[in-house]
Amino acid sequence: MRFSSLVAVAAMTISLGSCAALQTLSSTQVPMTAIIVAGNGVDAAETAATAYVRFCTPNPKPAGCNDSVIKNKIIPAVHDIRTARDAAEQFALDNPDATLGPATLVDAVTKTVGALQTILTANNIKS
């Protein structure tokens, strides 16, 4: 009987700990390192997009280049990720002693990088 009581107490402790962890994860604050890493994560997607645009710039255009994709999708997406990255970097500069920052900065960078990667993948552009 005593063993089953201990199991019940352990289960309650684990569930309360999980609840606290979920509250932390759903917080509007994230560690500053996450903001900095997200900002740095822009580089890979931006490099692939820039390489494709440079490859497609000469006249005549090499096979596989699509001006419409460049003008209407890639360039706006690169502008979006730069804006998101700049906001994250500016927050880090403005708050050098902060340990937490708004999760919206990480979300913005993640969404814009994902959007650009989707465009690159859909158009068979290797990143």
Protein backbone atom coordinates (compact mmCIF):
# COMPACT_ATOMS: atom_id res chain seq x y z
CA MET A 1 0.00 0.00 0.00
CA ARG A 2 2.79 2.39 0.87
CA PHE A 3 4.53 1.67 -2.46
CA SER A 4 1.41 2.59 -4.46
CA SER A 5 1.18 5.88 -2.51
CA LEU A 6 4.77 6.66 -3.42
CA VAL A 7 4.04 5.93 -7.09
CA ALA A 8 1.04 8.27 -6.98
CA VAL A 9 3.10 11.05 -5.37
CA ALA A 10 5.86 10.55 -7.95
CA ALA A 11 3.35 10.73 -10.80
CA MET A 12 1.88 13.96 -9.41
CA THR A 13 5.34 15.46 -9.02
CA ILE A 14 6.24 14.59 -12.61
CA SER A 15 2.99 16.03 -13.94
CA LEU A 16 3.47 19.27 -11.97
CA GLY A 17 7.03 19.53 -13.25
CA SER A 18 5.79 19.02 -16.81
CA CYS A 19 3.17 21.73 -16.28
CA ALA A 20 5.87 24.17 -15.16
CA ALA A 21 8.01 23.24 -18.15
CA LEU A 22 5.09 23.83 -20.51
CA GLN A 23 4.46 27.23 -18.96
CA THR A 24 8.10 28.12 -19.51
CA LEU A 25 7.99 26.93 -23.12
CA SER A 26 4.83 28.89 -23.85
CA SER A 27 6.31 32.02 -22.31
CA THR A 28 6.67 35.14 -24.40
CA GLN A 29 10.30 35.32 -23.32
CA VAL A 30 13.16 33.29 -24.78
CA PRO A 31 16.86 33.17 -23.88
CA MET A 32 18.97 35.82 -25.60
CA THR A 33 21.12 33.06 -27.06
CA ALA A 34 18.07 31.80 -28.97
CA ILE A 35 17.56 35.26 -30.45
CA ILE A 36 21.22 35.53 -31.47
CA VAL A 37 21.28 32.01 -32.95
CA ALA A 38 18.08 32.71 -34.89
CA GLY A 39 19.60 35.88 -36.29
CA ASN A 40 22.72 34.03 -37.33
CA GLY A 41 20.61 31.28 -38.91
CA VAL A 42 19.57 33.69 -41.64
CA ASP A 43 22.97 33.45 -43.32
CA ALA A 44 22.58 30.01 -44.93
CA ALA A 45 19.25 30.72 -46.61
CA GLU A 46 20.34 34.21 -47.63
CA THR A 47 23.59 32.87 -49.12
CA ALA A 48 21.75 30.29 -51.25
CA ALA A 49 19.28 32.89 -52.52
CA THR A 50 22.03 35.40 -53.29
CA ALA A 51 24.07 32.76 -55.13
CA TYR A 52 21.06 31.89 -57.31
CA VAL A 53 20.42 35.55 -58.14
CA ARG A 54 24.11 36.07 -59.02
CA PHE A 55 24.14 32.92 -61.14
CA CYS A 56 21.10 34.15 -63.07
CA THR A 57 22.33 37.72 -63.59
CA PRO A 58 24.51 37.43 -66.73
CA ASN A 59 23.07 37.90 -70.21
CA PRO A 60 22.03 35.60 -71.70
CA LYS A 61 20.42 33.94 -68.72
CA PRO A 62 21.71 30.46 -67.88
CA ALA A 63 19.26 27.57 -68.16
CA GLY A 64 17.07 27.12 -65.11
CA CYS A 65 16.85 30.80 -64.19
CA ASN A 66 13.45 32.33 -63.60
CA ASP A 67 13.22 36.13 -63.44
CA SER A 68 9.67 35.98 -62.11
CA VAL A 69 10.72 33.81 -59.16
CA ILE A 70 13.65 36.12 -58.46
CA LYS A 71 11.63 39.36 -58.60
CA ASN A 72 8.38 38.18 -57.04
CA LYS A 73 9.48 35.62 -54.48
CA ILE A 74 13.20 35.44 -53.69
CA ILE A 75 14.01 39.14 -53.40
CA PRO A 76 10.96 39.93 -51.19
CA ALA A 77 11.74 36.88 -49.01
CA VAL A 78 15.37 37.99 -48.60
CA HIS A 79 14.18 41.46 -47.58
CA ASP A 80 11.83 39.87 -45.02
CA ILE A 81 14.56 37.72 -43.44
CA ARG A 82 16.92 40.68 -43.29
CA THR A 83 14.24 42.76 -41.55
CA ALA A 84 13.59 39.97 -39.03
CA ARG A 85 17.32 39.44 -38.44
CA ASP A 86 17.95 43.17 -38.06
CA ALA A 87 15.19 43.42 -35.43
CA ALA A 88 16.70 40.51 -33.49
CA GLU A 89 20.20 41.98 -33.69
CA GLN A 90 18.95 45.45 -32.71
CA PHE A 91 17.19 44.03 -29.66
CA ALA A 92 20.42 42.30 -28.62
CA LEU A 93 22.37 45.56 -29.07
CA ASP A 94 19.79 47.63 -27.19
CA ASN A 95 19.64 45.14 -24.31
CA PRO A 96 23.20 43.88 -23.75
CA ASP A 97 22.50 42.74 -20.18
CA ALA A 98 19.22 40.97 -20.94
CA THR A 99 19.01 37.23 -20.39
CA LEU A 100 15.56 36.95 -21.99
CA GLY A 101 13.92 38.61 -24.95
CA PRO A 102 10.63 38.50 -26.86
CA ALA A 103 9.83 35.17 -28.51
CA THR A 104 8.32 37.12 -31.41
CA LEU A 105 11.84 37.91 -32.64
CA VAL A 106 12.74 34.23 -32.92
CA ASP A 107 9.33 33.45 -34.46
CA ALA A 108 9.78 36.15 -37.11
CA VAL A 109 13.23 34.91 -38.09
CA THR A 110 12.13 31.27 -38.12
CA LYS A 111 9.05 31.95 -40.25
CA THR A 112 10.87 34.09 -42.80
CA VAL A 113 13.77 31.66 -43.15
CA GLY A 114 11.26 28.82 -43.56
CA ALA A 115 9.41 30.78 -46.24
CA LEU A 116 12.61 31.42 -48.20
CA GLN A 117 13.70 27.80 -47.89
CA THR A 118 10.28 26.72 -49.21
CA ILE A 119 10.69 29.03 -52.22
CA LEU A 120 14.19 27.70 -52.90
CA THR A 121 13.09 24.07 -52.59
CA ALA A 122 10.00 24.58 -54.76
CA ASN A 123 12.22 25.99 -57.49
CA ASN A 124 14.94 23.32 -57.19
CA ILE A 125 17.49 25.79 -55.86
CA LYS A 126 19.97 24.03 -53.60
CA SER A 127 20.71 25.65 -50.25
